[in-house]
Amino acid sequence: MAIKVRKEYDELRDVNMATTEALERETKRAQKEEHSQNKFRGALWGSNNELKLRRAERDQSRVEGMILKDELKACHRLKRSLSQ
């Protein structure tokens, strides 16, 4: 009876050790994956901010371009009215 109990104990200990090792491997893999995702998120965040800045600059340039076009039209009208 004691031999049977000892054998079961050894088997359970081996299963427990294997499970613990598998869990440690999976935990390390998950931590590496999470680290990679965080690096990727950081890169995306930086790129997103850069795009926001460029869009703001583009929009500002468009506004300035429209203002300059309006001023040019006004100058042309003034020139025509002066030549008449």
C-alpha atoms as a PDB file:
ATOM      1  CA  MET A   1       0.000   0.000   0.000  1.00  0.00           C
ATOM      2  CA  ALA A   2       2.767   2.484   0.906  1.00  0.00           C
ATOM      3  CA  ILE A   3       4.558   1.691  -2.355  1.00  0.00           C
ATOM      4  CA  LYS A   4       1.368   2.413  -4.322  1.00  0.00           C
ATOM      5  CA  VAL A   5       0.869   5.732  -2.511  1.00  0.00           C
ATOM      6  CA  ARG A   6       4.515   6.642  -3.067  1.00  0.00           C
ATOM      7  CA  LYS A   7       4.194   5.803  -6.774  1.00  0.00           C
ATOM      8  CA  GLU A   8       1.059   7.974  -7.119  1.00  0.00           C
ATOM      9  CA  TYR A   9       2.816  10.768  -5.224  1.00  0.00           C
ATOM     10  CA  ASP A  10       5.794  10.615  -7.611  1.00  0.00           C
ATOM     11  CA  GLU A  11       3.497  10.631 -10.646  1.00  0.00           C
ATOM     12  CA  LEU A  12       1.526  13.599  -9.326  1.00  0.00           C
ATOM     13  CA  ARG A  13       4.748  15.440  -8.494  1.00  0.00           C
ATOM     14  CA  ASP A  14       6.011  14.845 -12.055  1.00  0.00           C
ATOM     15  CA  VAL A  15       2.712  16.055 -13.528  1.00  0.00           C
ATOM     16  CA  ASN A  16       2.808  19.106 -11.252  1.00  0.00           C
ATOM     17  CA  MET A  17       6.391  19.921 -12.287  1.00  0.00           C
ATOM     18  CA  ALA A  18       5.518  19.548 -15.980  1.00  0.00           C
ATOM     19  CA  THR A  19       2.466  21.751 -15.548  1.00  0.00           C
ATOM     20  CA  THR A  20       4.506  24.362 -13.678  1.00  0.00           C
ATOM     21  CA  GLU A  21       7.168  24.406 -16.408  1.00  0.00           C
ATOM     22  CA  ALA A  22       4.524  24.700 -19.140  1.00  0.00           C
ATOM     23  CA  LEU A  23       2.860  27.538 -17.249  1.00  0.00           C
ATOM     24  CA  GLU A  24       6.187  29.357 -16.843  1.00  0.00           C
ATOM     25  CA  ARG A  25       6.932  28.993 -20.569  1.00  0.00           C
ATOM     26  CA  GLU A  26       3.478  30.267 -21.487  1.00  0.00           C
ATOM     27  CA  THR A  27       3.804  33.183 -19.064  1.00  0.00           C
ATOM     28  CA  LYS A  28       7.155  34.193 -20.578  1.00  0.00           C
ATOM     29  CA  ARG A  29       5.716  33.916 -24.093  1.00  0.00           C
ATOM     30  CA  ALA A  30       2.729  36.056 -23.117  1.00  0.00           C
ATOM     31  CA  GLN A  31       5.003  38.662 -21.503  1.00  0.00           C
ATOM     32  CA  LYS A  32       7.150  38.855 -24.647  1.00  0.00           C
ATOM     33  CA  GLU A  33       4.039  39.207 -26.787  1.00  0.00           C
ATOM     34  CA  GLU A  34       2.674  41.948 -24.546  1.00  0.00           C
ATOM     35  CA  HIS A  35       6.022  43.761 -24.678  1.00  0.00           C
ATOM     36  CA  SER A  36       5.977  43.578 -28.479  1.00  0.00           C
ATOM     37  CA  GLN A  37       2.407  44.879 -28.566  1.00  0.00           C
ATOM     38  CA  ASN A  38       3.335  47.781 -26.292  1.00  0.00           C
ATOM     39  CA  LYS A  39       6.285  48.682 -28.524  1.00  0.00           C
ATOM     40  CA  PHE A  40       3.985  48.541 -31.550  1.00  0.00           C
ATOM     41  CA  ARG A  41       1.385  50.702 -29.797  1.00  0.00           C
ATOM     42  CA  GLY A  42       4.075  53.232 -28.959  1.00  0.00           C
ATOM     43  CA  ALA A  43       5.195  53.367 -32.574  1.00  0.00           C
ATOM     44  CA  LEU A  44       1.605  53.767 -33.755  1.00  0.00           C
ATOM     45  CA  TRP A  45       0.986  56.511 -31.205  1.00  0.00           C
ATOM     46  CA  GLY A  46       4.030  58.414 -32.449  1.00  0.00           C
ATOM     47  CA  SER A  47       3.003  57.972 -36.072  1.00  0.00           C
ATOM     48  CA  ASN A  48      -0.536  59.050 -35.273  1.00  0.00           C
ATOM     49  CA  ASN A  49       0.699  62.236 -33.611  1.00  0.00           C
ATOM     50  CA  GLU A  50       2.925  62.967 -36.606  1.00  0.00           C
ATOM     51  CA  LEU A  51      -0.054  62.528 -38.933  1.00  0.00           C
ATOM     52  CA  LYS A  52      -2.161  64.873 -36.792  1.00  0.00           C
ATOM     53  CA  LEU A  53       0.539  67.538 -36.961  1.00  0.00           C
ATOM     54  CA  ARG A  54       0.909  67.169 -40.717  1.00  0.00           C
ATOM     55  CA  ARG A  55      -2.846  67.354 -41.234  1.00  0.00           C
ATOM     56  CA  ALA A  56      -2.990  70.512 -39.132  1.00  0.00           C
ATOM     57  CA  GLU A  57      -0.162  72.040 -41.193  1.00  0.00           C
ATOM     58  CA  ARG A  58      -1.912  71.013 -44.419  1.00  0.00           C
ATOM     59  CA  ASP A  59      -5.181  72.518 -43.283  1.00  0.00           C
ATOM     60  CA  GLN A  60      -3.441  75.733 -42.248  1.00  0.00           C
ATOM     61  CA  SER A  61      -1.717  75.898 -45.646  1.00  0.00           C
ATOM     62  CA  ARG A  62      -5.059  75.461 -47.398  1.00  0.00           C
ATOM     63  CA  VAL A  63      -6.584  78.294 -45.393  1.00  0.00           C
ATOM     64  CA  GLU A  64      -3.617  80.536 -46.133  1.00  0.00           C
ATOM     65  CA  GLY A  65      -3.830  79.589 -49.822  1.00  0.00           C
ATOM     66  CA  MET A  66      -7.509  80.499 -49.937  1.00  0.00           C
ATOM     67  CA  ILE A  67      -6.800  83.841 -48.273  1.00  0.00           C
ATOM     68  CA  LEU A  68      -4.028  84.580 -50.770  1.00  0.00           C
ATOM     69  CA  LYS A  69      -6.306  83.677 -53.697  1.00  0.00           C
ATOM     70  CA  ASP A  70      -8.964  86.036 -52.391  1.00  0.00           C
ATOM     71  CA  GLU A  71      -6.395  88.798 -51.979  1.00  0.00           C
ATOM     72  CA  LEU A  72      -5.097  88.169 -55.501  1.00  0.00           C
ATOM     73  CA  LYS A  73      -8.623  88.412 -56.896  1.00  0.00           C
ATOM     74  CA  ALA A  74      -9.128  91.660 -55.006  1.00  0.00           C
ATOM     75  CA  CYS A  75      -5.858  93.003 -56.441  1.00  0.00           C
ATOM     76  CA  HIS A  76      -6.945  92.053 -59.977  1.00  0.00           C
ATOM     77  CA  ARG A  77     -10.299  93.783 -59.472  1.00  0.00           C
ATOM     78  CA  LEU A  78      -8.571  96.873 -58.117  1.00  0.00           C
ATOM     79  CA  LYS A  79      -6.153  96.862 -61.060  1.00  0.00           C
ATOM     80  CA  ARG A  80      -9.058  96.583 -63.534  1.00  0.00           C
ATOM     81  CA  SER A  81     -10.974  99.353 -61.833  1.00  0.00           C
ATOM     82  CA  LEU A  82      -7.855 101.596 -61.829  1.00  0.00           C
ATOM     83  CA  SER A  83      -7.221 100.967 -65.506  1.00  0.00           C
ATOM     84  CA  GLN A  84     -10.785 101.941 -66.421  1.00  0.00           C
END
